[in-house]
C-alpha cells in the first residue's frame, strides 16, 4: 500500500502543470522580482518547458491588456532588456507617485539612505554593484527607493540584462540642490586609511 501511495505521489509531482497552474505560478514569481526575468530563468524556476512558459507569458500580457473582452489592468507585463517584469502602466505613474510621496510619507530607513547615497555617487549602477559595495542584499531597499520616485531605471545592460539605476530630479528637489555637482565631495568624508597604523611605527 505504501509503495502504491508513493508511486501515486511521484506521478502527481512529475505530471505537467495545467496552463492555469503554470500561469498562476508564473504570476506569483513576477509579482516579487526586482529585475526582469528571462524566459529560460522562469522556466527553470517553474520546472516547466520553455515553450509553455513563453505561451504563459503571452497569455498574461494579453490578460493584463484586457484582450478578449477582459478588464485592462493598471499594471502591465513588459519585456525589458530581454526579460519580463510587471510594471505600473505609464498613465498611472502620476497617481502612484502622488500616493507614495504624500499619502505614505514615512521616513527612509538608514539602509535606504545608505543605498541612495551609493547610487547618487556611483550612478548609473546595477543592483549587484550596490549590493557589493554595501555587502548586503539591497532588493527591498531598491524597490522602496523606486516606489518613492527617488531613483529610476536608467537602462538595462544589453549583455546581462541587469538594470542600472540613477537618481531622479525629485531627489534634487528633496535635497534642495540644482544638480548632482552640488553634492559634497565624498573623499573628505572617508578615512585616509592611516588610523590604527600609528602603533606599528
Protein backbone atom coordinates (compact mmCIF):
# COMPACT_ATOMS: atom_id res chain seq x y z
CA UNK A 1 0.00 0.00 0.00
CA UNK A 2 2.78 2.42 0.95
CA UNK A 3 4.62 1.68 -2.31
CA UNK A 4 1.45 2.36 -4.31
CA UNK A 5 0.87 5.64 -2.44
CA UNK A 6 4.47 6.69 -3.06
CA UNK A 7 4.20 5.90 -6.77
CA UNK A 8 0.96 7.87 -6.95
CA UNK A 9 2.58 10.89 -5.26
CA UNK A 10 5.62 10.73 -7.55
CA UNK A 11 3.40 10.56 -10.60
CA UNK A 12 1.43 13.59 -9.45
CA UNK A 13 4.64 15.52 -8.77
CA UNK A 14 6.02 14.77 -12.22
CA UNK A 15 2.76 15.44 -14.06
CA UNK A 16 2.91 18.54 -16.27
CA UNK A 17 1.26 21.66 -14.90
CA UNK A 18 -2.02 22.77 -16.41
CA UNK A 19 -1.94 26.07 -18.31
CA UNK A 20 -3.87 27.73 -15.47
CA UNK A 21 -1.50 26.46 -12.77
CA UNK A 22 1.53 27.49 -14.80
CA UNK A 23 0.12 30.99 -15.26
CA UNK A 24 -0.64 31.29 -11.56
CA UNK A 25 2.86 30.23 -10.53
CA UNK A 26 4.45 32.46 -13.14
CA UNK A 27 2.38 35.40 -11.94
CA UNK A 28 3.41 34.75 -8.32
CA UNK A 29 7.10 34.91 -9.27
CA UNK A 30 6.68 38.02 -11.42
CA UNK A 31 4.96 39.84 -8.55
CA UNK A 32 8.08 39.69 -6.37
CA UNK A 33 11.05 40.00 -8.74
CA UNK A 34 13.08 43.21 -8.76
CA UNK A 35 14.69 42.72 -12.14
CA UNK A 36 13.31 41.48 -15.48
CA UNK A 37 13.50 37.70 -15.76
CA UNK A 38 14.30 35.83 -18.96
CA UNK A 39 12.09 33.03 -20.25
CA UNK A 40 14.76 30.40 -19.60
CA UNK A 41 15.25 31.57 -16.00
CA UNK A 42 11.49 31.49 -15.41
CA UNK A 43 11.19 28.04 -16.99
CA UNK A 44 13.98 26.76 -14.74
CA UNK A 45 12.33 28.20 -11.63
CA UNK A 46 8.98 26.68 -12.57
CA UNK A 47 10.37 23.36 -13.78
CA UNK A 48 8.37 23.82 -16.97
CA UNK A 49 9.22 23.71 -20.69
CA UNK A 50 10.43 26.99 -22.20
CA UNK A 51 7.73 26.81 -24.87
CA UNK A 52 4.98 26.51 -22.25
CA UNK A 53 6.38 29.40 -20.20
CA UNK A 54 6.65 31.60 -23.28
CA UNK A 55 2.99 30.86 -24.07
CA UNK A 56 2.03 31.60 -20.45
CA UNK A 57 3.82 34.96 -20.62
CA UNK A 58 1.98 35.88 -23.81
CA UNK A 59 -1.29 34.86 -22.16
CA UNK A 60 -0.63 37.07 -19.12
CA UNK A 61 0.32 40.02 -21.34
CA UNK A 62 -2.98 39.69 -23.22
CA UNK A 63 -4.92 39.24 -19.97
CA UNK A 64 -3.44 42.37 -18.36
CA UNK A 65 -4.03 44.35 -21.57
CA UNK A 66 -7.71 43.43 -21.45
CA UNK A 67 -7.74 41.50 -24.70
CA UNK A 68 -10.65 39.18 -25.33
CA UNK A 69 -13.14 41.44 -23.54
CA UNK A 70 -11.35 41.43 -20.18
CA UNK A 71 -10.58 44.41 -17.97
CA UNK A 72 -7.40 46.34 -18.78
CA UNK A 73 -5.30 46.31 -15.61
CA UNK A 74 -3.46 49.23 -14.05
CA UNK A 75 -0.24 47.29 -14.50
CA UNK A 76 1.35 45.52 -17.43
CA UNK A 77 3.78 42.72 -18.09
CA UNK A 78 6.58 44.34 -20.07
CA UNK A 79 9.71 42.97 -21.73
CA UNK A 80 12.81 44.98 -20.80
CA UNK A 81 16.38 44.04 -21.59
CA UNK A 82 15.45 40.55 -22.72
CA UNK A 83 13.46 39.79 -19.56
CA UNK A 84 9.93 40.18 -18.24
CA UNK A 85 8.64 42.13 -15.25
CA UNK A 86 5.38 43.69 -14.01
CA UNK A 87 5.26 47.50 -14.18
CA UNK A 88 2.70 50.20 -13.40
CA UNK A 89 1.19 51.48 -16.64
CA UNK A 90 2.63 54.82 -17.71
CA UNK A 91 -0.73 56.59 -17.48
CA UNK A 92 -0.90 55.79 -13.76
CA UNK A 93 2.62 56.92 -12.86
CA UNK A 94 1.49 60.30 -11.55
CA UNK A 95 -1.17 59.00 -9.18
CA UNK A 96 1.10 56.25 -7.89
CA UNK A 97 3.90 58.76 -7.33
CA UNK A 98 1.47 61.07 -5.51
CA UNK A 99 0.31 58.22 -3.27
CA UNK A 100 3.83 57.17 -2.39
CA UNK A 101 5.06 60.68 -1.69
CA UNK A 102 2.05 62.28 0.00
CA UNK A 103 -0.18 59.54 1.33
CA UNK A 104 2.59 57.33 2.63
CA UNK A 105 5.35 59.77 3.64
CA UNK A 106 7.27 57.55 6.03
CA UNK A 107 10.93 58.33 6.64
CA UNK A 108 13.63 56.44 4.82
CA UNK A 109 15.50 53.84 6.83
CA UNK A 110 19.24 54.03 7.40
CA UNK A 111 19.69 51.22 4.87
CA UNK A 112 17.67 53.16 2.28
CA UNK A 113 19.69 56.34 2.89
CA UNK A 114 22.98 54.45 2.52
CA UNK A 115 21.80 52.79 -0.69
CA UNK A 116 20.58 56.13 -2.05
CA UNK A 117 23.99 57.65 -1.33
CA UNK A 118 25.75 54.84 -3.21
CA UNK A 119 23.50 55.37 -6.22
CA UNK A 120 23.88 59.16 -6.11
CA UNK A 121 27.69 59.00 -6.16
CA UNK A 122 28.18 55.95 -8.41
CA UNK A 123 25.31 56.20 -10.90
CA UNK A 124 24.43 54.60 -13.18
CA UNK A 125 24.95 51.47 -11.11
CA UNK A 126 23.47 47.98 -11.08
CA UNK A 127 21.76 46.39 -8.10
CA UNK A 128 24.53 43.79 -7.91
CA UNK A 129 27.20 46.51 -7.71
CA UNK A 130 25.24 48.31 -4.99
CA UNK A 131 24.99 45.08 -3.02
CA UNK A 132 28.72 44.52 -3.44
CA UNK A 133 29.55 47.97 -2.06
CA UNK A 134 27.14 47.68 0.87
CA UNK A 135 27.84 43.96 1.45
CA UNK A 136 24.14 43.27 2.00
CA UNK A 137 21.12 42.35 -0.11
CA UNK A 138 19.51 45.56 -1.40
CA UNK A 139 16.49 44.19 -3.29
CA UNK A 140 13.79 45.55 -0.97
CA UNK A 141 15.62 48.85 -0.44
CA UNK A 142 15.95 49.49 -4.17
CA UNK A 143 12.26 48.66 -4.56
CA UNK A 144 11.44 51.23 -1.85
CA UNK A 145 13.54 53.94 -3.49
CA UNK A 146 11.91 53.23 -6.85
CA UNK A 147 8.49 53.44 -5.24
CA UNK A 148 9.36 56.80 -3.69
CA UNK A 149 10.46 58.12 -7.07
CA UNK A 150 13.96 58.94 -5.78
CA UNK A 151 15.68 56.64 -8.26
CA UNK A 152 14.80 55.35 -11.70
CA UNK A 153 15.82 52.55 -14.03
CA UNK A 154 18.34 54.26 -16.31
CA UNK A 155 18.97 51.36 -18.70
CA UNK A 156 19.37 47.59 -18.95
CA UNK A 157 22.75 46.08 -19.77
CA UNK A 158 22.49 44.61 -23.27
CA UNK A 159 24.53 41.54 -22.32
CA UNK A 160 23.44 40.67 -18.78
CA UNK A 161 20.02 42.33 -18.67
CA UNK A 162 20.97 43.91 -15.32
CA UNK A 163 19.10 47.14 -14.63
CA UNK A 164 21.26 50.19 -13.87
CA UNK A 165 19.82 52.81 -11.55
CA UNK A 166 20.19 56.58 -11.36
CA UNK A 167 18.70 59.30 -9.17
CA UNK A 168 15.78 61.47 -10.26
CA UNK A 169 15.04 65.19 -10.23
CA UNK A 170 12.83 64.53 -7.22
CA UNK A 171 15.93 63.71 -5.18
CA UNK A 172 17.46 67.04 -6.16
CA UNK A 173 14.28 68.77 -5.02
CA UNK A 174 14.28 66.91 -1.72
CA UNK A 175 17.93 67.82 -1.14
CA UNK A 176 17.40 71.43 -2.22
CA UNK A 177 20.10 71.37 -4.89
CA UNK A 178 20.08 72.04 -8.62
CA UNK A 179 22.40 69.28 -9.77
CA UNK A 180 24.44 66.35 -8.52
CA UNK A 181 27.55 68.52 -8.92
CA UNK A 182 26.47 70.24 -5.71
CA UNK A 183 26.81 67.06 -3.67
CA UNK A 184 29.75 67.31 -1.26
CA UNK A 185 32.97 65.61 -2.41
CA UNK A 186 33.00 62.15 -0.87
CA UNK A 187 36.77 61.89 -0.32
CA UNK A 188 36.91 64.20 2.72
CA UNK A 189 34.18 62.11 4.34
CA UNK A 190 36.25 58.94 4.18
CA UNK A 191 39.08 57.87 6.47
CA UNK A 192 42.53 58.17 4.92
CA UNK A 193 43.44 54.62 5.97
CA UNK A 194 46.16 55.67 8.42
CA UNK A 195 44.13 55.07 11.57
CA UNK A 196 45.37 52.08 13.51
CA UNK A 197 48.86 52.08 11.98
CA UNK A 198 50.49 54.63 14.30
CA UNK A 199 51.33 51.94 16.88
CA UNK A 200 53.31 49.98 14.29
CA UNK A 201 55.83 52.74 13.61
